[in-house]
Amino acid sequence: MASQPAFTHIHCSSRFDRPADQFESDLDNWMKHSSLITVTEVNNDQRASQLMEKGWAHYNAKKGGGQDECAVAWRKDTWKATSSTVRKLNDKPMVGGRHWVWDCSVMLKHADSGHKLLVSVVHMPAGTNLVSGKNHPGQWEDRKKIYHQAMKAWHSHVLDLTKSKKPDAVMAIADFNLNLKADWAHKYLMDLWQGFGLGWTGFSGAGGSLKGGNQLPAGTPGKGVIDNVIDGTLYRGLEVTDNANLMNRVKSSDHRPYNETFKFNNDPGKGIKDGARDPVTGTTTKIDAWWGFGDYLDDEIYTYAGGVGTEDES
């Protein structure tokens, strides 16, 4: 087997209400250090247009209604897009917040090696793991069901694209809006995404995507114990050569971007090869899952005043 090419990916779950010039400044920096960039919350023509940089191409759906929520950008001297698509993942609107969850997928071909890479990006629903589930049980239950539905539909869509497009590798990237450091979250994702690994191979010293656990309100389970990481990459047909790393905070988002480096693990056209993977290590937690009762506070999504949740969609 010939030596396989490596590439660096940067993801940032962006922030829809930050100025476009801040987004452009951050993009300029990321583009110096990667050949593949994925983002969420660019559903604003002024912000999405910042992806049009010299030497780069991108895909962002032209229509609104949530279709343009996510985007993929790539260096033209490294990748060439062969197809792109968006797909709605829930069949009814959510109560409050974003109504629809959309998948944004692009098939890329590596310019030098000919490897094909399927890249899929989603912004999963927020507001499913908070104390307001007690105060607003209808909204919480509605979002929980839609989260499950969207996750299953996303997985099925990625499998369908894999069968039809026959990529050599797959990346499924999301603002998952659940803490990837939680042991239950790993199990939830791995049970569904059979054969996929998580780009976060270790969490030692990783900190948090946003404010972090030490900012949780008094009395919160896990307060001061662990910082949440809610953004990440699921992958197949690749080998992690540099574990996902949180980058410095940026002005264009309330999330910290992360970078990671992969290399293909098989010759092009030979099919997806899944190698052995070590379990996720480092600072993880056995905190209870929030599916069953909805009373785990997540400051990544909500700010609190007098114990009442006010949504800050992330």
C-alpha atoms as a PDB file:
ATOM      1  CA  MET A   1       0.000   0.000   0.000  1.00  0.00           C
ATOM      2  CA  ALA A   2       1.389   3.360  -1.016  1.00  0.00           C
ATOM      3  CA  SER A   3       1.982   6.150   1.477  1.00  0.00           C
ATOM      4  CA  GLN A   4      -1.340   7.840   2.108  1.00  0.00           C
ATOM      5  CA  PRO A   5      -1.889  11.624   2.094  1.00  0.00           C
ATOM      6  CA  ALA A   6      -2.653  13.531   5.288  1.00  0.00           C
ATOM      7  CA  PHE A   7      -4.761  16.673   5.660  1.00  0.00           C
ATOM      8  CA  THR A   8      -5.761  19.091   8.407  1.00  0.00           C
ATOM      9  CA  HIS A   9      -9.381  19.947   9.113  1.00  0.00           C
ATOM     10  CA  ILE A  10     -10.640  22.895  11.168  1.00  0.00           C
ATOM     11  CA  HIS A  11     -14.202  23.153  12.422  1.00  0.00           C
ATOM     12  CA  CYS A  12     -15.922  26.055  14.146  1.00  0.00           C
ATOM     13  CA  SER A  13     -19.515  26.050  15.280  1.00  0.00           C
ATOM     14  CA  SER A  14     -19.907  29.681  14.437  1.00  0.00           C
ATOM     15  CA  ARG A  15     -22.242  32.334  15.829  1.00  0.00           C
ATOM     16  CA  PHE A  16     -24.969  33.767  13.586  1.00  0.00           C
ATOM     17  CA  ASP A  17     -25.080  37.220  15.203  1.00  0.00           C
ATOM     18  CA  ARG A  18     -21.347  38.036  15.089  1.00  0.00           C
ATOM     19  CA  PRO A  19     -20.154  40.591  12.473  1.00  0.00           C
ATOM     20  CA  ALA A  20     -19.119  39.261   9.077  1.00  0.00           C
ATOM     21  CA  ASP A  21     -15.719  40.972   9.231  1.00  0.00           C
ATOM     22  CA  GLN A  22     -14.880  39.020  12.397  1.00  0.00           C
ATOM     23  CA  PHE A  23     -15.782  35.800  10.622  1.00  0.00           C
ATOM     24  CA  GLU A  24     -13.595  36.756   7.656  1.00  0.00           C
ATOM     25  CA  SER A  25     -10.636  37.527   9.902  1.00  0.00           C
ATOM     26  CA  ASP A  26     -10.897  34.141  11.603  1.00  0.00           C
ATOM     27  CA  LEU A  27     -11.295  32.360   8.271  1.00  0.00           C
ATOM     28  CA  ASP A  28      -8.128  34.016   6.968  1.00  0.00           C
ATOM     29  CA  ASN A  29      -6.222  32.509   9.880  1.00  0.00           C
ATOM     30  CA  TRP A  30      -7.771  29.042   9.579  1.00  0.00           C
ATOM     31  CA  MET A  31      -7.074  28.920   5.851  1.00  0.00           C
ATOM     32  CA  LYS A  32      -3.359  29.320   6.532  1.00  0.00           C
ATOM     33  CA  HIS A  33      -3.339  26.126   8.578  1.00  0.00           C
ATOM     34  CA  SER A  34      -5.736  23.695   6.856  1.00  0.00           C
ATOM     35  CA  SER A  35      -7.090  22.457   3.549  1.00  0.00           C
ATOM     36  CA  LEU A  36     -10.622  21.706   4.809  1.00  0.00           C
ATOM     37  CA  ILE A  37     -12.904  23.913   6.933  1.00  0.00           C
ATOM     38  CA  THR A  38     -16.435  23.230   8.175  1.00  0.00           C
ATOM     39  CA  VAL A  39     -18.724  25.729   9.921  1.00  0.00           C
ATOM     40  CA  THR A  40     -22.231  26.073  11.315  1.00  0.00           C
ATOM     41  CA  GLU A  41     -24.470  29.147  11.753  1.00  0.00           C
ATOM     42  CA  VAL A  42     -23.462  30.839   8.505  1.00  0.00           C
ATOM     43  CA  ASN A  43     -27.102  31.110   7.422  1.00  0.00           C
ATOM     44  CA  ASN A  44     -26.656  34.744   6.541  1.00  0.00           C
ATOM     45  CA  ASP A  45     -25.568  35.786   3.060  1.00  0.00           C
ATOM     46  CA  GLN A  46     -23.168  38.379   4.410  1.00  0.00           C
ATOM     47  CA  ARG A  47     -21.392  35.807   6.577  1.00  0.00           C
ATOM     48  CA  ALA A  48     -21.449  32.959   4.056  1.00  0.00           C
ATOM     49  CA  SER A  49     -19.929  35.219   1.405  1.00  0.00           C
ATOM     50  CA  GLN A  50     -16.768  35.468   3.511  1.00  0.00           C
ATOM     51  CA  LEU A  51     -15.998  31.886   2.499  1.00  0.00           C
ATOM     52  CA  MET A  52     -15.198  33.110  -1.013  1.00  0.00           C
ATOM     53  CA  GLU A  53     -11.434  33.477  -0.618  1.00  0.00           C
ATOM     54  CA  LYS A  54      -8.742  33.247  -3.298  1.00  0.00           C
ATOM     55  CA  GLY A  55      -7.596  29.674  -3.773  1.00  0.00           C
ATOM     56  CA  TRP A  56     -10.609  28.275  -1.938  1.00  0.00           C
ATOM     57  CA  ALA A  57     -14.026  26.937  -2.933  1.00  0.00           C
ATOM     58  CA  HIS A  58     -17.023  26.253  -0.746  1.00  0.00           C
ATOM     59  CA  TYR A  59     -20.542  24.871  -0.624  1.00  0.00           C
ATOM     60  CA  ASN A  60     -23.391  26.576   1.208  1.00  0.00           C
ATOM     61  CA  ALA A  61     -26.999  26.076   0.106  1.00  0.00           C
ATOM     62  CA  LYS A  62     -28.437  29.096  -1.660  1.00  0.00           C
ATOM     63  CA  LYS A  63     -31.919  28.750  -0.179  1.00  0.00           C
ATOM     64  CA  GLY A  64     -32.820  29.764   3.381  1.00  0.00           C
ATOM     65  CA  GLY A  65     -35.159  28.107   5.832  1.00  0.00           C
ATOM     66  CA  GLY A  66     -32.202  26.478   7.551  1.00  0.00           C
ATOM     67  CA  GLN A  67     -30.775  24.841   4.412  1.00  0.00           C
ATOM     68  CA  ASP A  68     -27.838  27.287   4.504  1.00  0.00           C
ATOM     69  CA  GLU A  69     -27.067  26.647   8.205  1.00  0.00           C
ATOM     70  CA  CYS A  70     -23.813  24.751   7.511  1.00  0.00           C
ATOM     71  CA  ALA A  71     -20.976  25.096   5.011  1.00  0.00           C
ATOM     72  CA  VAL A  72     -17.876  23.252   3.790  1.00  0.00           C
ATOM     73  CA  ALA A  73     -14.802  25.024   2.349  1.00  0.00           C
ATOM     74  CA  TRP A  74     -11.725  23.473   0.750  1.00  0.00           C
ATOM     75  CA  ARG A  75      -8.402  24.440  -0.848  1.00  0.00           C
ATOM     76  CA  LYS A  76      -8.733  24.134  -4.602  1.00  0.00           C
ATOM     77  CA  ASP A  77      -5.156  22.924  -5.028  1.00  0.00           C
ATOM     78  CA  THR A  78      -5.868  20.036  -2.631  1.00  0.00           C
ATOM     79  CA  TRP A  79      -9.495  19.083  -3.231  1.00  0.00           C
ATOM     80  CA  LYS A  80     -12.085  19.133  -5.986  1.00  0.00           C
ATOM     81  CA  ALA A  81     -15.812  18.799  -5.276  1.00  0.00           C
ATOM     82  CA  THR A  82     -17.682  16.229  -7.345  1.00  0.00           C
ATOM     83  CA  SER A  83     -21.138  16.587  -5.724  1.00  0.00           C
ATOM     84  CA  SER A  84     -22.960  18.443  -2.956  1.00  0.00           C
ATOM     85  CA  THR A  85     -26.359  18.261  -1.325  1.00  0.00           C
ATOM     86  CA  VAL A  86     -28.515  19.313   1.626  1.00  0.00           C
ATOM     87  CA  ARG A  87     -31.219  17.237   3.289  1.00  0.00           C
ATOM     88  CA  LYS A  88     -33.832  17.975   5.943  1.00  0.00           C
ATOM     89  CA  LEU A  89     -33.529  15.631   8.920  1.00  0.00           C
ATOM     90  CA  ASN A  90     -36.739  16.232  10.893  1.00  0.00           C
ATOM     91  CA  ASP A  91     -40.312  15.957   9.660  1.00  0.00           C
ATOM     92  CA  LYS A  92     -41.908  18.620  11.850  1.00  0.00           C
ATOM     93  CA  PRO A  93     -40.682  21.967  13.206  1.00  0.00           C
ATOM     94  CA  MET A  94     -39.266  22.273  16.706  1.00  0.00           C
ATOM     95  CA  VAL A  95     -41.035  24.295  19.364  1.00  0.00           C
ATOM     96  CA  GLY A  96     -38.947  27.479  19.565  1.00  0.00           C
ATOM     97  CA  GLY A  97     -35.436  28.007  18.196  1.00  0.00           C
ATOM     98  CA  ARG A  98     -34.455  26.659  14.800  1.00  0.00           C
ATOM     99  CA  HIS A  99     -37.379  24.888  13.142  1.00  0.00           C
ATOM    100  CA  TRP A 100     -35.451  22.473  10.951  1.00  0.00           C
ATOM    101  CA  VAL A 101     -32.262  20.416  11.125  1.00  0.00           C
ATOM    102  CA  TRP A 102     -30.355  20.100   7.839  1.00  0.00           C
ATOM    103  CA  ASP A 103     -27.424  18.004   6.664  1.00  0.00           C
ATOM    104  CA  CYS A 104     -24.881  19.659   4.351  1.00  0.00           C
ATOM    105  CA  SER A 105     -22.740  17.120   2.465  1.00  0.00           C
ATOM    106  CA  VAL A 106     -19.950  17.445  -0.090  1.00  0.00           C
ATOM    107  CA  MET A 107     -17.992  14.759  -1.935  1.00  0.00           C
ATOM    108  CA  LEU A 108     -14.370  15.813  -2.382  1.00  0.00           C
ATOM    109  CA  LYS A 109     -11.614  14.223  -4.466  1.00  0.00           C
ATOM    110  CA  HIS A 110      -7.987  14.611  -3.385  1.00  0.00           C
ATOM    111  CA  ALA A 111      -6.056  16.316  -6.183  1.00  0.00           C
ATOM    112  CA  ASP A 112      -2.854  14.289  -5.834  1.00  0.00           C
ATOM    113  CA  SER A 113      -3.965  10.837  -4.730  1.00  0.00           C
ATOM    114  CA  GLY A 114      -7.484  10.582  -6.122  1.00  0.00           C
ATOM    115  CA  HIS A 115      -8.956   9.585  -2.745  1.00  0.00           C
ATOM    116  CA  LYS A 116     -12.633  10.441  -2.370  1.00  0.00           C
ATOM    117  CA  LEU A 117     -13.808  11.960   0.924  1.00  0.00           C
ATOM    118  CA  LEU A 118     -17.431  12.439   1.949  1.00  0.00           C
ATOM    119  CA  VAL A 119     -17.821  15.419   4.324  1.00  0.00           C
ATOM    120  CA  SER A 120     -21.142  15.903   6.126  1.00  0.00           C
ATOM    121  CA  VAL A 121     -21.975  18.721   8.563  1.00  0.00           C
ATOM    122  CA  VAL A 122     -24.977  19.180  10.882  1.00  0.00           C
ATOM    123  CA  HIS A 123     -26.020  21.552  13.686  1.00  0.00           C
ATOM    124  CA  MET A 124     -27.937  19.314  16.085  1.00  0.00           C
ATOM    125  CA  PRO A 125     -30.816  20.737  18.176  1.00  0.00           C
ATOM    126  CA  ALA A 126     -30.042  22.617  21.376  1.00  0.00           C
ATOM    127  CA  GLY A 127     -32.209  22.848  24.451  1.00  0.00           C
ATOM    128  CA  THR A 128     -32.622  19.155  25.214  1.00  0.00           C
ATOM    129  CA  ASN A 129     -30.535  18.855  28.383  1.00  0.00           C
ATOM    130  CA  LEU A 130     -31.582  21.600  30.740  1.00  0.00           C
ATOM    131  CA  VAL A 131     -33.463  22.190  33.966  1.00  0.00           C
ATOM    132  CA  SER A 132     -36.150  23.976  31.952  1.00  0.00           C
ATOM    133  CA  GLY A 133     -37.285  20.507  30.949  1.00  0.00           C
ATOM    134  CA  LYS A 134     -39.140  20.618  34.253  1.00  0.00           C
ATOM    135  CA  ASN A 135     -40.515  24.092  33.597  1.00  0.00           C
ATOM    136  CA  HIS A 136     -41.346  23.527  29.937  1.00  0.00           C
ATOM    137  CA  PRO A 137     -41.817  19.766  29.579  1.00  0.00           C
ATOM    138  CA  GLY A 138     -43.618  20.012  26.232  1.00  0.00           C
ATOM    139  CA  GLN A 139     -40.780  21.889  24.578  1.00  0.00           C
ATOM    140  CA  TRP A 140     -38.142  19.628  26.108  1.00  0.00           C
ATOM    141  CA  GLU A 141     -39.906  16.429  25.060  1.00  0.00           C
ATOM    142  CA  ASP A 142     -40.443  17.811  21.556  1.00  0.00           C
ATOM    143  CA  ARG A 143     -36.758  18.631  21.128  1.00  0.00           C
ATOM    144  CA  LYS A 144     -35.618  15.326  22.566  1.00  0.00           C
ATOM    145  CA  LYS A 145     -37.692  13.429  20.010  1.00  0.00           C
ATOM    146  CA  ILE A 146     -36.450  15.622  17.172  1.00  0.00           C
ATOM    147  CA  TYR A 147     -32.846  15.167  18.310  1.00  0.00           C
ATOM    148  CA  HIS A 148     -33.236  11.379  18.104  1.00  0.00           C
ATOM    149  CA  GLN A 149     -35.010  11.621  14.758  1.00  0.00           C
ATOM    150  CA  ALA A 150     -32.445  13.975  13.236  1.00  0.00           C
ATOM    151  CA  MET A 151     -29.490  11.901  14.444  1.00  0.00           C
ATOM    152  CA  LYS A 152     -30.931   8.695  12.998  1.00  0.00           C
ATOM    153  CA  ALA A 153     -31.880  10.402   9.721  1.00  0.00           C
ATOM    154  CA  TRP A 154     -28.404  11.936   9.433  1.00  0.00           C
ATOM    155  CA  HIS A 155     -26.756   8.555   9.968  1.00  0.00           C
ATOM    156  CA  SER A 156     -29.037   6.925   7.392  1.00  0.00           C
ATOM    157  CA  HIS A 157     -28.368   9.693   4.878  1.00  0.00           C
ATOM    158  CA  VAL A 158     -24.598   9.350   5.317  1.00  0.00           C
ATOM    159  CA  LEU A 159     -24.891   5.580   4.802  1.00  0.00           C
ATOM    160  CA  ASP A 160     -26.956   6.136   1.645  1.00  0.00           C
ATOM    161  CA  LEU A 161     -24.380   8.589   0.266  1.00  0.00           C
ATOM    162  CA  THR A 162     -21.604   6.154   1.148  1.00  0.00           C
ATOM    163  CA  LYS A 163     -23.303   3.371  -0.800  1.00  0.00           C
ATOM    164  CA  SER A 164     -24.079   5.541  -3.832  1.00  0.00           C
ATOM    165  CA  LYS A 165     -20.901   7.666  -4.004  1.00  0.00           C
ATOM    166  CA  LYS A 166     -18.437   5.010  -2.784  1.00  0.00           C
ATOM    167  CA  PRO A 167     -16.005   7.316  -0.961  1.00  0.00           C
ATOM    168  CA  ASP A 168     -12.708   6.090   0.447  1.00  0.00           C
ATOM    169  CA  ALA A 169     -13.423   7.843   3.737  1.00  0.00           C
ATOM    170  CA  VAL A 170     -16.215   9.681   5.548  1.00  0.00           C
ATOM    171  CA  MET A 171     -16.277  12.583   8.012  1.00  0.00           C
ATOM    172  CA  ALA A 172     -19.493  13.459   9.892  1.00  0.00           C
ATOM    173  CA  ILE A 173     -18.989  16.737  11.762  1.00  0.00           C
ATOM    174  CA  ALA A 174     -21.427  18.465  14.107  1.00  0.00           C
ATOM    175  CA  ASP A 175     -22.197  20.880  16.833  1.00  0.00           C
ATOM    176  CA  PHE A 176     -23.684  17.935  18.718  1.00  0.00           C
ATOM    177  CA  ASN A 177     -25.033  20.057  21.577  1.00  0.00           C
ATOM    178  CA  LEU A 178     -24.202  17.240  23.983  1.00  0.00           C
ATOM    179  CA  ASN A 179     -21.027  16.790  25.979  1.00  0.00           C
ATOM    180  CA  LEU A 180     -18.661  14.494  24.086  1.00  0.00           C
ATOM    181  CA  LYS A 181     -16.671  13.989  27.303  1.00  0.00           C
ATOM    182  CA  ALA A 182     -19.615  12.168  28.847  1.00  0.00           C
ATOM    183  CA  ASP A 183     -19.273   8.391  28.717  1.00  0.00           C
ATOM    184  CA  TRP A 184     -22.957   7.983  27.906  1.00  0.00           C
ATOM    185  CA  ALA A 185     -22.593  10.317  24.918  1.00  0.00           C
ATOM    186  CA  HIS A 186     -19.836   8.111  23.472  1.00  0.00           C
ATOM    187  CA  LYS A 187     -22.033   5.061  23.839  1.00  0.00           C
ATOM    188  CA  TYR A 188     -25.036   6.825  22.290  1.00  0.00           C
ATOM    189  CA  LEU A 189     -23.025   7.861  19.233  1.00  0.00           C
ATOM    190  CA  MET A 190     -21.036   4.654  18.828  1.00  0.00           C
ATOM    191  CA  ASP A 191     -24.134   2.464  19.164  1.00  0.00           C
ATOM    192  CA  LEU A 192     -25.692   4.302  16.216  1.00  0.00           C
ATOM    193  CA  TRP A 193     -22.612   5.149  14.138  1.00  0.00           C
ATOM    194  CA  GLN A 194     -21.241   1.606  13.984  1.00  0.00           C
ATOM    195  CA  GLY A 195     -17.732   1.514  12.479  1.00  0.00           C
ATOM    196  CA  PHE A 196     -17.064   5.213  13.090  1.00  0.00           C
ATOM    197  CA  GLY A 197     -14.412   6.624  15.388  1.00  0.00           C
ATOM    198  CA  LEU A 198     -14.327   9.962  17.217  1.00  0.00           C
ATOM    199  CA  GLY A 199     -11.671  12.527  16.332  1.00  0.00           C
ATOM    200  CA  TRP A 200     -11.306  13.311  20.031  1.00  0.00           C
ATOM    201  CA  THR A 201      -9.007  10.412  20.864  1.00  0.00           C
ATOM    202  CA  GLY A 202      -8.156  11.982  24.235  1.00  0.00           C
ATOM    203  CA  PHE A 203      -9.457  14.849  26.342  1.00  0.00           C
ATOM    204  CA  SER A 204      -6.520  15.458  28.678  1.00  0.00           C
ATOM    205  CA  GLY A 205      -6.232  19.223  29.158  1.00  0.00           C
ATOM    206  CA  ALA A 206      -8.714  19.878  26.382  1.00  0.00           C
ATOM    207  CA  GLY A 207     -10.804  22.346  28.380  1.00  0.00           C
ATOM    208  CA  GLY A 208     -14.231  23.223  27.031  1.00  0.00           C
ATOM    209  CA  SER A 209     -15.777  24.394  23.775  1.00  0.00           C
ATOM    210  CA  LEU A 210     -17.407  27.357  25.451  1.00  0.00           C
ATOM    211  CA  LYS A 211     -17.602  28.586  29.050  1.00  0.00           C
ATOM    212  CA  GLY A 212     -16.799  25.210  30.577  1.00  0.00           C
ATOM    213  CA  GLY A 213     -18.094  23.313  33.585  1.00  0.00           C
ATOM    214  CA  ASN A 214     -16.810  25.718  36.206  1.00  0.00           C
ATOM    215  CA  GLN A 215     -19.318  28.289  34.960  1.00  0.00           C
ATOM    216  CA  LEU A 216     -22.352  26.155  35.711  1.00  0.00           C
ATOM    217  CA  PRO A 217     -24.881  27.542  38.198  1.00  0.00           C
ATOM    218  CA  ALA A 218     -24.669  26.539  41.850  1.00  0.00           C
ATOM    219  CA  GLY A 219     -26.089  23.095  42.514  1.00  0.00           C
ATOM    220  CA  THR A 220     -25.585  21.837  38.982  1.00  0.00           C
ATOM    221  CA  PRO A 221     -24.508  18.185  38.744  1.00  0.00           C
ATOM    222  CA  GLY A 222     -20.819  18.143  37.835  1.00  0.00           C
ATOM    223  CA  LYS A 223     -20.234  21.817  38.682  1.00  0.00           C
ATOM    224  CA  GLY A 224     -16.521  22.598  38.557  1.00  0.00           C
ATOM    225  CA  VAL A 225     -15.705  19.011  37.638  1.00  0.00           C
ATOM    226  CA  ILE A 226     -15.553  18.954  33.865  1.00  0.00           C
ATOM    227  CA  ASP A 227     -15.576  21.302  30.878  1.00  0.00           C
ATOM    228  CA  ASN A 228     -17.942  20.416  28.063  1.00  0.00           C
ATOM    229  CA  VAL A 229     -16.796  19.755  24.504  1.00  0.00           C
ATOM    230  CA  ILE A 230     -19.830  19.712  22.217  1.00  0.00           C
ATOM    231  CA  ASP A 231     -18.242  19.862  18.741  1.00  0.00           C
ATOM    232  CA  GLY A 232     -16.553  16.920  17.061  1.00  0.00           C
ATOM    233  CA  THR A 233     -15.891  14.657  14.080  1.00  0.00           C
ATOM    234  CA  LEU A 234     -17.002  11.076  13.484  1.00  0.00           C
ATOM    235  CA  TYR A 235     -14.891   9.325  10.838  1.00  0.00           C
ATOM    236  CA  ARG A 236     -14.301   6.158   8.814  1.00  0.00           C
ATOM    237  CA  GLY A 237     -11.541   5.197   6.386  1.00  0.00           C
ATOM    238  CA  LEU A 238      -9.062   7.494   8.096  1.00  0.00           C
ATOM    239  CA  GLU A 239      -6.353   7.361  10.717  1.00  0.00           C
ATOM    240  CA  VAL A 240      -5.975  10.115  13.306  1.00  0.00           C
ATOM    241  CA  THR A 241      -2.458  11.508  13.078  1.00  0.00           C
ATOM    242  CA  ASP A 242      -3.151  14.504  15.323  1.00  0.00           C
ATOM    243  CA  ASN A 243      -5.952  14.279  17.881  1.00  0.00           C
ATOM    244  CA  ALA A 244      -8.573  17.020  17.830  1.00  0.00           C
ATOM    245  CA  ASN A 245      -7.262  20.100  19.631  1.00  0.00           C
ATOM    246  CA  LEU A 246      -9.186  23.106  20.892  1.00  0.00           C
ATOM    247  CA  MET A 247      -7.828  26.323  19.403  1.00  0.00           C
ATOM    248  CA  ASN A 248      -7.827  29.818  20.875  1.00  0.00           C
ATOM    249  CA  ARG A 249     -11.140  31.594  21.320  1.00  0.00           C
ATOM    250  CA  VAL A 250     -12.270  33.683  18.363  1.00  0.00           C
ATOM    251  CA  LYS A 251     -14.412  36.794  17.983  1.00  0.00           C
ATOM    252  CA  SER A 252     -16.685  35.269  15.354  1.00  0.00           C
ATOM    253  CA  SER A 253     -18.106  32.599  17.662  1.00  0.00           C
ATOM    254  CA  ASP A 254     -18.925  31.664  21.242  1.00  0.00           C
ATOM    255  CA  HIS A 255     -17.429  28.232  20.469  1.00  0.00           C
ATOM    256  CA  ARG A 256     -13.731  27.484  20.332  1.00  0.00           C
ATOM    257  CA  PRO A 257     -12.717  26.033  16.963  1.00  0.00           C
ATOM    258  CA  TYR A 258     -10.768  22.777  16.865  1.00  0.00           C
ATOM    259  CA  ASN A 259      -8.221  21.326  14.459  1.00  0.00           C
ATOM    260  CA  GLU A 260      -7.327  17.726  13.712  1.00  0.00           C
ATOM    261  CA  THR A 261      -5.190  15.884  11.186  1.00  0.00           C
ATOM    262  CA  PHE A 262      -6.122  12.659   9.424  1.00  0.00           C
ATOM    263  CA  LYS A 263      -4.591  10.486   6.753  1.00  0.00           C
ATOM    264  CA  PHE A 264      -6.311   8.003   4.475  1.00  0.00           C
ATOM    265  CA  ASN A 265      -5.690   4.426   5.549  1.00  0.00           C
ATOM    266  CA  ASN A 266      -6.240   2.610   2.237  1.00  0.00           C
ATOM    267  CA  ASP A 267      -5.452   3.031  -1.445  1.00  0.00           C
ATOM    268  CA  PRO A 268      -8.086   4.964  -3.440  1.00  0.00           C
ATOM    269  CA  GLY A 269     -10.880   2.851  -4.855  1.00  0.00           C
ATOM    270  CA  LYS A 270     -10.205  -0.033  -2.474  1.00  0.00           C
ATOM    271  CA  GLY A 271     -13.181   0.700  -0.231  1.00  0.00           C
ATOM    272  CA  ILE A 272     -13.466   2.021   3.302  1.00  0.00           C
ATOM    273  CA  LYS A 273     -11.057   0.368   5.722  1.00  0.00           C
ATOM    274  CA  ASP A 274     -11.750   0.606   9.444  1.00  0.00           C
ATOM    275  CA  GLY A 275      -8.700   0.056  11.612  1.00  0.00           C
ATOM    276  CA  ALA A 276      -8.472  -0.734  15.316  1.00  0.00           C
ATOM    277  CA  ARG A 277      -9.138   2.264  17.568  1.00  0.00           C
ATOM    278  CA  ASP A 278      -8.209   2.902  21.156  1.00  0.00           C
ATOM    279  CA  PRO A 279     -11.008   3.957  23.517  1.00  0.00           C
ATOM    280  CA  VAL A 280     -11.423   7.677  24.178  1.00  0.00           C
ATOM    281  CA  THR A 281      -9.196   8.620  27.108  1.00  0.00           C
ATOM    282  CA  GLY A 282      -8.519  11.510  29.435  1.00  0.00           C
ATOM    283  CA  THR A 283     -10.998  13.639  31.311  1.00  0.00           C
ATOM    284  CA  THR A 284     -14.330  11.928  30.822  1.00  0.00           C
ATOM    285  CA  THR A 285     -17.284  11.663  33.157  1.00  0.00           C
ATOM    286  CA  LYS A 286     -19.896   9.089  34.075  1.00  0.00           C
ATOM    287  CA  ILE A 287     -22.612  11.717  34.609  1.00  0.00           C
ATOM    288  CA  ASP A 288     -26.115  10.402  33.935  1.00  0.00           C
ATOM    289  CA  ALA A 289     -27.573  10.763  30.476  1.00  0.00           C
ATOM    290  CA  TRP A 290     -30.227  13.444  30.101  1.00  0.00           C
ATOM    291  CA  TRP A 291     -32.571  11.533  27.786  1.00  0.00           C
ATOM    292  CA  GLY A 292     -34.671  10.159  30.603  1.00  0.00           C
ATOM    293  CA  PHE A 293     -35.440  13.155  32.758  1.00  0.00           C
ATOM    294  CA  GLY A 294     -34.165  16.419  31.264  1.00  0.00           C
ATOM    295  CA  ASP A 295     -32.779  18.079  34.370  1.00  0.00           C
ATOM    296  CA  TYR A 296     -29.064  18.274  33.588  1.00  0.00           C
ATOM    297  CA  LEU A 297     -28.018  21.905  33.159  1.00  0.00           C
ATOM    298  CA  ASP A 298     -25.834  22.767  30.177  1.00  0.00           C
ATOM    299  CA  ASP A 299     -24.417  26.286  30.245  1.00  0.00           C
ATOM    300  CA  GLU A 300     -23.205  25.803  26.688  1.00  0.00           C
ATOM    301  CA  ILE A 301     -26.795  26.378  25.622  1.00  0.00           C
ATOM    302  CA  TYR A 302     -28.500  28.402  28.323  1.00  0.00           C
ATOM    303  CA  THR A 303     -27.821  31.328  30.588  1.00  0.00           C
ATOM    304  CA  TYR A 304     -29.737  31.464  33.837  1.00  0.00           C
ATOM    305  CA  ALA A 305     -31.402  34.222  35.790  1.00  0.00           C
ATOM    306  CA  GLY A 306     -33.234  33.308  38.945  1.00  0.00           C
ATOM    307  CA  GLY A 307     -33.145  29.655  37.981  1.00  0.00           C
ATOM    308  CA  VAL A 308     -35.147  30.179  34.771  1.00  0.00           C
ATOM    309  CA  GLY A 309     -33.544  29.156  31.467  1.00  0.00           C
ATOM    310  CA  THR A 310     -33.300  31.790  28.729  1.00  0.00           C
ATOM    311  CA  GLU A 311     -32.280  30.233  25.462  1.00  0.00           C
ATOM    312  CA  ASP A 312     -29.052  31.260  23.783  1.00  0.00           C
ATOM    313  CA  GLU A 313     -29.061  28.904  20.807  1.00  0.00           C
ATOM    314  CA  SER A 314     -25.598  27.528  20.159  1.00  0.00           C
END
